Amino acid sequence: MITLHALKYSRATRALWLLDDLGQTCNRIDYERTETFRAPESLSGVHPLGKSPVIKDGDRVIGESATILRYLVEKYGDASHQPERGTTAFWRHEALLDYVEASFGEVVLGAILPAFAGKDVTESARAALEHHLSYIAGELSTGPYLCGDKPMLADIQMSYLLALLERFGFLKETPRIAAYWQRLQEQPGYIAAVAAAGPMAPPG
């Protein structure tokens, strides 16, 4: 059985969501955040960067959410969370899956970190966020989710950053993204993951 090292209020909920979709369980080890909202030192014994999520499967130790999601669908032979391999839709999905943390994540942090500290968000950070939210809204034009009629890995990956943005009020003026986030929260896998491990975003 896979072991999931899950930090509270973290990206680990993504893995739990997918596991529920796949009908699979895991051995979940939970970690509380420190008073400064950082990961505890004990996570450094799991991964050199002291990060979460991390999964262990036999002698394999795997970090990075997108890689974990890809690993799980490969391990369990799932073909329902990605478009057909080799198609244009497949590669579009792969790009979106990596876009979430490779490009969008930095922009989201640029907005929420000042907000989390009670500081004003700079105009440049707001402009960058608006630019990316407009891009995502455009990518939703093909259906209620990023790749059509049902959530796929890229949607699961997107969920954590949307949870943070909603927590700090950044989705109020983006109704298409807010509606998309609401649809994601209605997914059985998301509901089960949050019920098991708590919310993605910290309380207000």
C-alpha atoms as a PDB file:
ATOM      1  CA  MET A   1       0.000   0.000   0.000  1.00  0.00           C
ATOM      2  CA  ILE A   2       1.168   3.510  -0.797  1.00  0.00           C
ATOM      3  CA  THR A   3       2.143   5.745   2.104  1.00  0.00           C
ATOM      4  CA  LEU A   4       1.209   9.411   1.732  1.00  0.00           C
ATOM      5  CA  HIS A   5       3.008  11.992   3.853  1.00  0.00           C
ATOM      6  CA  ALA A   6       0.442  14.756   4.147  1.00  0.00           C
ATOM      7  CA  LEU A   7       1.040  18.206   5.586  1.00  0.00           C
ATOM      8  CA  LYS A   8      -2.055  19.987   6.848  1.00  0.00           C
ATOM      9  CA  TYR A   9      -3.433  22.682   4.521  1.00  0.00           C
ATOM     10  CA  SER A  10      -1.321  21.494   1.639  1.00  0.00           C
ATOM     11  CA  ARG A  11      -1.172  20.043  -1.835  1.00  0.00           C
ATOM     12  CA  ALA A  12      -1.435  16.538  -0.354  1.00  0.00           C
ATOM     13  CA  THR A  13      -5.221  16.786  -0.684  1.00  0.00           C
ATOM     14  CA  ARG A  14      -4.749  16.440  -4.443  1.00  0.00           C
ATOM     15  CA  ALA A  15      -3.346  12.929  -4.025  1.00  0.00           C
ATOM     16  CA  LEU A  16      -6.146  11.957  -1.644  1.00  0.00           C
ATOM     17  CA  TRP A  17      -8.721  13.192  -4.147  1.00  0.00           C
ATOM     18  CA  LEU A  18      -7.272  11.098  -6.942  1.00  0.00           C
ATOM     19  CA  LEU A  19      -6.917   8.031  -4.740  1.00  0.00           C
ATOM     20  CA  ASP A  20     -10.590   8.278  -3.845  1.00  0.00           C
ATOM     21  CA  ASP A  21     -11.502   8.587  -7.522  1.00  0.00           C
ATOM     22  CA  LEU A  22      -9.480   5.440  -8.184  1.00  0.00           C
ATOM     23  CA  GLY A  23     -11.086   3.539  -5.326  1.00  0.00           C
ATOM     24  CA  GLN A  24      -7.730   3.135  -3.607  1.00  0.00           C
ATOM     25  CA  THR A  25      -6.668   3.629  -0.018  1.00  0.00           C
ATOM     26  CA  CYS A  26      -3.336   4.672   1.416  1.00  0.00           C
ATOM     27  CA  ASN A  27      -1.449   4.779   4.650  1.00  0.00           C
ATOM     28  CA  ARG A  28      -1.658   8.489   5.440  1.00  0.00           C
ATOM     29  CA  ILE A  29       0.800  10.085   7.824  1.00  0.00           C
ATOM     30  CA  ASP A  30      -0.284  13.583   8.834  1.00  0.00           C
ATOM     31  CA  TYR A  31       1.947  16.500   9.799  1.00  0.00           C
ATOM     32  CA  GLU A  32       0.892  19.678  11.572  1.00  0.00           C
ATOM     33  CA  ARG A  33       2.299  23.011  10.465  1.00  0.00           C
ATOM     34  CA  THR A  34       4.500  25.028  12.785  1.00  0.00           C
ATOM     35  CA  GLU A  35       3.431  28.299  14.414  1.00  0.00           C
ATOM     36  CA  THR A  36       4.968  30.104  11.435  1.00  0.00           C
ATOM     37  CA  PHE A  37       2.886  27.922   9.068  1.00  0.00           C
ATOM     38  CA  ARG A  38       5.890  25.988   7.822  1.00  0.00           C
ATOM     39  CA  ALA A  39       6.380  22.263   7.466  1.00  0.00           C
ATOM     40  CA  PRO A  40       7.824  20.561  10.556  1.00  0.00           C
ATOM     41  CA  GLU A  41      11.424  19.407  10.569  1.00  0.00           C
ATOM     42  CA  SER A  42      10.268  15.780  10.677  1.00  0.00           C
ATOM     43  CA  LEU A  43       9.313  15.972   7.004  1.00  0.00           C
ATOM     44  CA  SER A  44      12.990  16.423   6.167  1.00  0.00           C
ATOM     45  CA  GLY A  45      13.429  12.807   7.156  1.00  0.00           C
ATOM     46  CA  VAL A  46      11.009  11.827   4.402  1.00  0.00           C
ATOM     47  CA  HIS A  47      12.239  14.089   1.598  1.00  0.00           C
ATOM     48  CA  PRO A  48      15.455  16.168   1.537  1.00  0.00           C
ATOM     49  CA  LEU A  49      13.436  19.316   0.860  1.00  0.00           C
ATOM     50  CA  GLY A  50      11.100  18.666   3.778  1.00  0.00           C
ATOM     51  CA  LYS A  51       8.071  19.041   1.547  1.00  0.00           C
ATOM     52  CA  SER A  52       4.622  17.548   1.137  1.00  0.00           C
ATOM     53  CA  PRO A  53       3.073  15.674  -0.501  1.00  0.00           C
ATOM     54  CA  VAL A  54       5.463  12.778  -0.746  1.00  0.00           C
ATOM     55  CA  ILE A  55       4.449   9.206  -1.459  1.00  0.00           C
ATOM     56  CA  LYS A  56       6.348   6.022  -0.722  1.00  0.00           C
ATOM     57  CA  ASP A  57       5.649   2.911  -2.748  1.00  0.00           C
ATOM     58  CA  GLY A  58       8.081   0.171  -1.853  1.00  0.00           C
ATOM     59  CA  ASP A  59      11.550   1.632  -2.344  1.00  0.00           C
ATOM     60  CA  ARG A  60      10.230   4.554  -4.405  1.00  0.00           C
ATOM     61  CA  VAL A  61       9.974   7.987  -2.812  1.00  0.00           C
ATOM     62  CA  ILE A  62       8.177  10.466  -5.033  1.00  0.00           C
ATOM     63  CA  GLY A  63       7.557  14.178  -4.508  1.00  0.00           C
ATOM     64  CA  GLU A  64       5.941  16.854  -6.709  1.00  0.00           C
ATOM     65  CA  SER A  65       2.175  16.786  -7.011  1.00  0.00           C
ATOM     66  CA  ALA A  66       2.003  16.450 -10.785  1.00  0.00           C
ATOM     67  CA  THR A  67       4.418  13.519 -10.750  1.00  0.00           C
ATOM     68  CA  ILE A  68       2.477  11.861  -7.945  1.00  0.00           C
ATOM     69  CA  LEU A  69      -0.782  12.199  -9.881  1.00  0.00           C
ATOM     70  CA  ARG A  70       0.803  10.752 -13.005  1.00  0.00           C
ATOM     71  CA  TYR A  71       2.345   7.922 -10.992  1.00  0.00           C
ATOM     72  CA  LEU A  72      -0.973   6.968  -9.406  1.00  0.00           C
ATOM     73  CA  VAL A  73      -2.880   6.722 -12.698  1.00  0.00           C
ATOM     74  CA  GLU A  74      -0.022   4.683 -14.144  1.00  0.00           C
ATOM     75  CA  LYS A  75       0.190   2.386 -11.134  1.00  0.00           C
ATOM     76  CA  TYR A  76      -3.524   1.670 -11.037  1.00  0.00           C
ATOM     77  CA  GLY A  77      -4.049   1.489 -14.798  1.00  0.00           C
ATOM     78  CA  ASP A  78      -6.430   4.432 -14.943  1.00  0.00           C
ATOM     79  CA  ALA A  79      -7.271   6.034 -18.275  1.00  0.00           C
ATOM     80  CA  SER A  80     -10.133   8.274 -17.153  1.00  0.00           C
ATOM     81  CA  HIS A  81      -8.142  11.223 -15.790  1.00  0.00           C
ATOM     82  CA  GLN A  82      -6.228  12.058 -18.986  1.00  0.00           C
ATOM     83  CA  PRO A  83      -7.259  12.364 -22.637  1.00  0.00           C
ATOM     84  CA  GLU A  84      -6.205   9.561 -24.935  1.00  0.00           C
ATOM     85  CA  ARG A  85      -2.436   9.337 -25.077  1.00  0.00           C
ATOM     86  CA  GLY A  86      -0.741  10.808 -28.119  1.00  0.00           C
ATOM     87  CA  THR A  87      -3.650  13.022 -29.104  1.00  0.00           C
ATOM     88  CA  THR A  88      -3.597  16.807 -29.315  1.00  0.00           C
ATOM     89  CA  ALA A  89      -5.956  16.836 -26.320  1.00  0.00           C
ATOM     90  CA  PHE A  90      -3.510  14.712 -24.330  1.00  0.00           C
ATOM     91  CA  TRP A  91      -0.623  17.120 -24.855  1.00  0.00           C
ATOM     92  CA  ARG A  92      -2.817  20.131 -24.125  1.00  0.00           C
ATOM     93  CA  HIS A  93      -3.757  18.470 -20.843  1.00  0.00           C
ATOM     94  CA  GLU A  94      -0.116  17.698 -20.048  1.00  0.00           C
ATOM     95  CA  ALA A  95       0.796  21.333 -20.575  1.00  0.00           C
ATOM     96  CA  LEU A  96      -2.024  22.489 -18.294  1.00  0.00           C
ATOM     97  CA  LEU A  97      -1.041  19.965 -15.624  1.00  0.00           C
ATOM     98  CA  ASP A  98       2.491  21.344 -15.530  1.00  0.00           C
ATOM     99  CA  TYR A  99       1.357  24.952 -15.951  1.00  0.00           C
ATOM    100  CA  VAL A 100      -0.349  24.945 -12.554  1.00  0.00           C
ATOM    101  CA  GLU A 101       2.842  24.872 -10.489  1.00  0.00           C
ATOM    102  CA  ALA A 102       5.426  25.821 -13.100  1.00  0.00           C
ATOM    103  CA  SER A 103       3.770  29.126 -14.049  1.00  0.00           C
ATOM    104  CA  PHE A 104       0.579  29.836 -12.117  1.00  0.00           C
ATOM    105  CA  GLY A 105       1.849  28.898  -8.669  1.00  0.00           C
ATOM    106  CA  GLU A 106       4.425  31.678  -8.493  1.00  0.00           C
ATOM    107  CA  VAL A 107       1.826  34.232  -9.542  1.00  0.00           C
ATOM    108  CA  VAL A 108      -0.628  33.018  -6.895  1.00  0.00           C
ATOM    109  CA  LEU A 109       2.029  33.211  -4.185  1.00  0.00           C
ATOM    110  CA  GLY A 110       2.874  36.736  -5.272  1.00  0.00           C
ATOM    111  CA  ALA A 111      -0.672  37.722  -4.368  1.00  0.00           C
ATOM    112  CA  ILE A 112      -1.508  35.610  -1.344  1.00  0.00           C
ATOM    113  CA  LEU A 113       1.719  35.905   0.646  1.00  0.00           C
ATOM    114  CA  PRO A 114       1.280  39.656   1.230  1.00  0.00           C
ATOM    115  CA  ALA A 115      -2.412  39.071   1.946  1.00  0.00           C
ATOM    116  CA  PHE A 116      -1.540  36.320   4.418  1.00  0.00           C
ATOM    117  CA  ALA A 117       0.809  38.734   6.193  1.00  0.00           C
ATOM    118  CA  GLY A 118      -1.827  41.490   6.251  1.00  0.00           C
ATOM    119  CA  LYS A 119       0.035  43.615   3.722  1.00  0.00           C
ATOM    120  CA  ASP A 120      -1.144  45.279   0.534  1.00  0.00           C
ATOM    121  CA  VAL A 121      -0.764  43.348  -2.686  1.00  0.00           C
ATOM    122  CA  THR A 122       1.246  45.258  -5.257  1.00  0.00           C
ATOM    123  CA  GLU A 123      -0.343  46.396  -8.476  1.00  0.00           C
ATOM    124  CA  SER A 124       2.081  44.305 -10.490  1.00  0.00           C
ATOM    125  CA  ALA A 125       1.141  41.172  -8.515  1.00  0.00           C
ATOM    126  CA  ARG A 126      -2.545  41.871  -9.040  1.00  0.00           C
ATOM    127  CA  ALA A 127      -2.026  42.471 -12.741  1.00  0.00           C
ATOM    128  CA  ALA A 128      -0.102  39.214 -13.122  1.00  0.00           C
ATOM    129  CA  LEU A 129      -2.826  37.313 -11.303  1.00  0.00           C
ATOM    130  CA  GLU A 130      -5.562  38.854 -13.438  1.00  0.00           C
ATOM    131  CA  HIS A 131      -3.612  37.928 -16.567  1.00  0.00           C
ATOM    132  CA  HIS A 132      -3.358  34.293 -15.534  1.00  0.00           C
ATOM    133  CA  LEU A 133      -6.959  34.053 -14.367  1.00  0.00           C
ATOM    134  CA  SER A 134      -8.013  35.383 -17.763  1.00  0.00           C
ATOM    135  CA  TYR A 135      -5.895  32.700 -19.407  1.00  0.00           C
ATOM    136  CA  ILE A 136      -7.479  29.940 -17.305  1.00  0.00           C
ATOM    137  CA  ALA A 137     -10.955  31.273 -18.036  1.00  0.00           C
ATOM    138  CA  GLY A 138     -10.139  30.996 -21.724  1.00  0.00           C
ATOM    139  CA  GLU A 139      -8.973  27.406 -21.271  1.00  0.00           C
ATOM    140  CA  LEU A 140     -12.353  26.591 -19.726  1.00  0.00           C
ATOM    141  CA  SER A 141     -14.165  27.525 -22.941  1.00  0.00           C
ATOM    142  CA  THR A 142     -14.200  23.887 -24.115  1.00  0.00           C
ATOM    143  CA  GLY A 143     -16.333  22.703 -21.220  1.00  0.00           C
ATOM    144  CA  PRO A 144     -17.100  23.029 -17.517  1.00  0.00           C
ATOM    145  CA  TYR A 145     -13.612  21.665 -16.779  1.00  0.00           C
ATOM    146  CA  LEU A 146     -10.237  22.295 -18.365  1.00  0.00           C
ATOM    147  CA  CYS A 147     -10.520  19.385 -20.785  1.00  0.00           C
ATOM    148  CA  GLY A 148     -14.233  19.017 -21.272  1.00  0.00           C
ATOM    149  CA  ASP A 149     -17.056  17.425 -19.344  1.00  0.00           C
ATOM    150  CA  LYS A 150     -15.233  15.802 -16.438  1.00  0.00           C
ATOM    151  CA  PRO A 151     -12.352  16.690 -14.133  1.00  0.00           C
ATOM    152  CA  MET A 152      -8.933  15.319 -15.025  1.00  0.00           C
ATOM    153  CA  LEU A 153      -5.508  15.496 -13.418  1.00  0.00           C
ATOM    154  CA  ALA A 154      -5.033  19.128 -14.409  1.00  0.00           C
ATOM    155  CA  ASP A 155      -8.257  20.074 -12.618  1.00  0.00           C
ATOM    156  CA  ILE A 156      -7.217  18.227  -9.464  1.00  0.00           C
ATOM    157  CA  GLN A 157      -3.857  19.986  -9.672  1.00  0.00           C
ATOM    158  CA  MET A 158      -5.524  23.373 -10.077  1.00  0.00           C
ATOM    159  CA  SER A 159      -7.736  22.948  -7.018  1.00  0.00           C
ATOM    160  CA  TYR A 160      -5.206  23.839  -4.329  1.00  0.00           C
ATOM    161  CA  LEU A 161      -4.294  27.209  -5.804  1.00  0.00           C
ATOM    162  CA  LEU A 162      -7.942  28.069  -6.346  1.00  0.00           C
ATOM    163  CA  ALA A 163      -8.661  27.215  -2.724  1.00  0.00           C
ATOM    164  CA  LEU A 164      -5.969  29.659  -1.620  1.00  0.00           C
ATOM    165  CA  LEU A 165      -7.217  32.369  -3.956  1.00  0.00           C
ATOM    166  CA  GLU A 166     -10.770  32.006  -2.678  1.00  0.00           C
ATOM    167  CA  ARG A 167      -9.584  32.057   0.930  1.00  0.00           C
ATOM    168  CA  PHE A 168      -8.035  35.490   0.381  1.00  0.00           C
ATOM    169  CA  GLY A 169     -10.872  36.865  -1.740  1.00  0.00           C
ATOM    170  CA  PHE A 170      -9.152  36.878  -5.128  1.00  0.00           C
ATOM    171  CA  LEU A 171     -11.948  35.090  -7.013  1.00  0.00           C
ATOM    172  CA  LYS A 172     -14.702  37.601  -6.274  1.00  0.00           C
ATOM    173  CA  GLU A 173     -14.302  39.428  -9.581  1.00  0.00           C
ATOM    174  CA  THR A 174     -13.725  36.344 -11.724  1.00  0.00           C
ATOM    175  CA  PRO A 175     -17.129  34.635 -11.896  1.00  0.00           C
ATOM    176  CA  ARG A 176     -16.092  32.008 -14.426  1.00  0.00           C
ATOM    177  CA  ILE A 177     -13.186  30.859 -12.273  1.00  0.00           C
ATOM    178  CA  ALA A 178     -15.290  31.055  -9.102  1.00  0.00           C
ATOM    179  CA  ALA A 179     -17.956  28.869 -10.726  1.00  0.00           C
ATOM    180  CA  TYR A 180     -15.290  26.429 -11.887  1.00  0.00           C
ATOM    181  CA  TRP A 181     -13.891  26.204  -8.366  1.00  0.00           C
ATOM    182  CA  GLN A 182     -17.388  25.576  -7.016  1.00  0.00           C
ATOM    183  CA  ARG A 183     -17.840  22.688  -9.466  1.00  0.00           C
ATOM    184  CA  LEU A 184     -14.554  21.170  -8.329  1.00  0.00           C
ATOM    185  CA  GLN A 185     -15.662  21.331  -4.708  1.00  0.00           C
ATOM    186  CA  GLU A 186     -18.747  19.310  -5.613  1.00  0.00           C
ATOM    187  CA  GLN A 187     -16.699  16.364  -6.870  1.00  0.00           C
ATOM    188  CA  PRO A 188     -16.969  13.216  -4.706  1.00  0.00           C
ATOM    189  CA  GLY A 189     -13.189  12.767  -4.582  1.00  0.00           C
ATOM    190  CA  TYR A 190     -12.657  16.321  -3.374  1.00  0.00           C
ATOM    191  CA  ILE A 191     -15.373  15.957  -0.740  1.00  0.00           C
ATOM    192  CA  ALA A 192     -13.879  12.690   0.517  1.00  0.00           C
ATOM    193  CA  ALA A 193     -10.344  14.115   0.631  1.00  0.00           C
ATOM    194  CA  VAL A 194     -11.376  17.166   2.619  1.00  0.00           C
ATOM    195  CA  ALA A 195     -13.472  15.052   4.978  1.00  0.00           C
ATOM    196  CA  ALA A 196     -10.450  12.842   5.627  1.00  0.00           C
ATOM    197  CA  ALA A 197      -7.658  15.394   5.910  1.00  0.00           C
ATOM    198  CA  GLY A 198      -9.283  18.782   6.374  1.00  0.00           C
ATOM    199  CA  PRO A 199      -9.549  21.809   4.066  1.00  0.00           C
ATOM    200  CA  MET A 200      -6.905  22.752   1.515  1.00  0.00           C
ATOM    201  CA  ALA A 201      -6.682  26.380   2.610  1.00  0.00           C
ATOM    202  CA  PRO A 202      -6.128  27.544   6.192  1.00  0.00           C
ATOM    203  CA  PRO A 203      -9.143  29.005   8.032  1.00  0.00           C
ATOM    204  CA  GLY A 204      -9.713  32.725   8.058  1.00  0.00           C
END
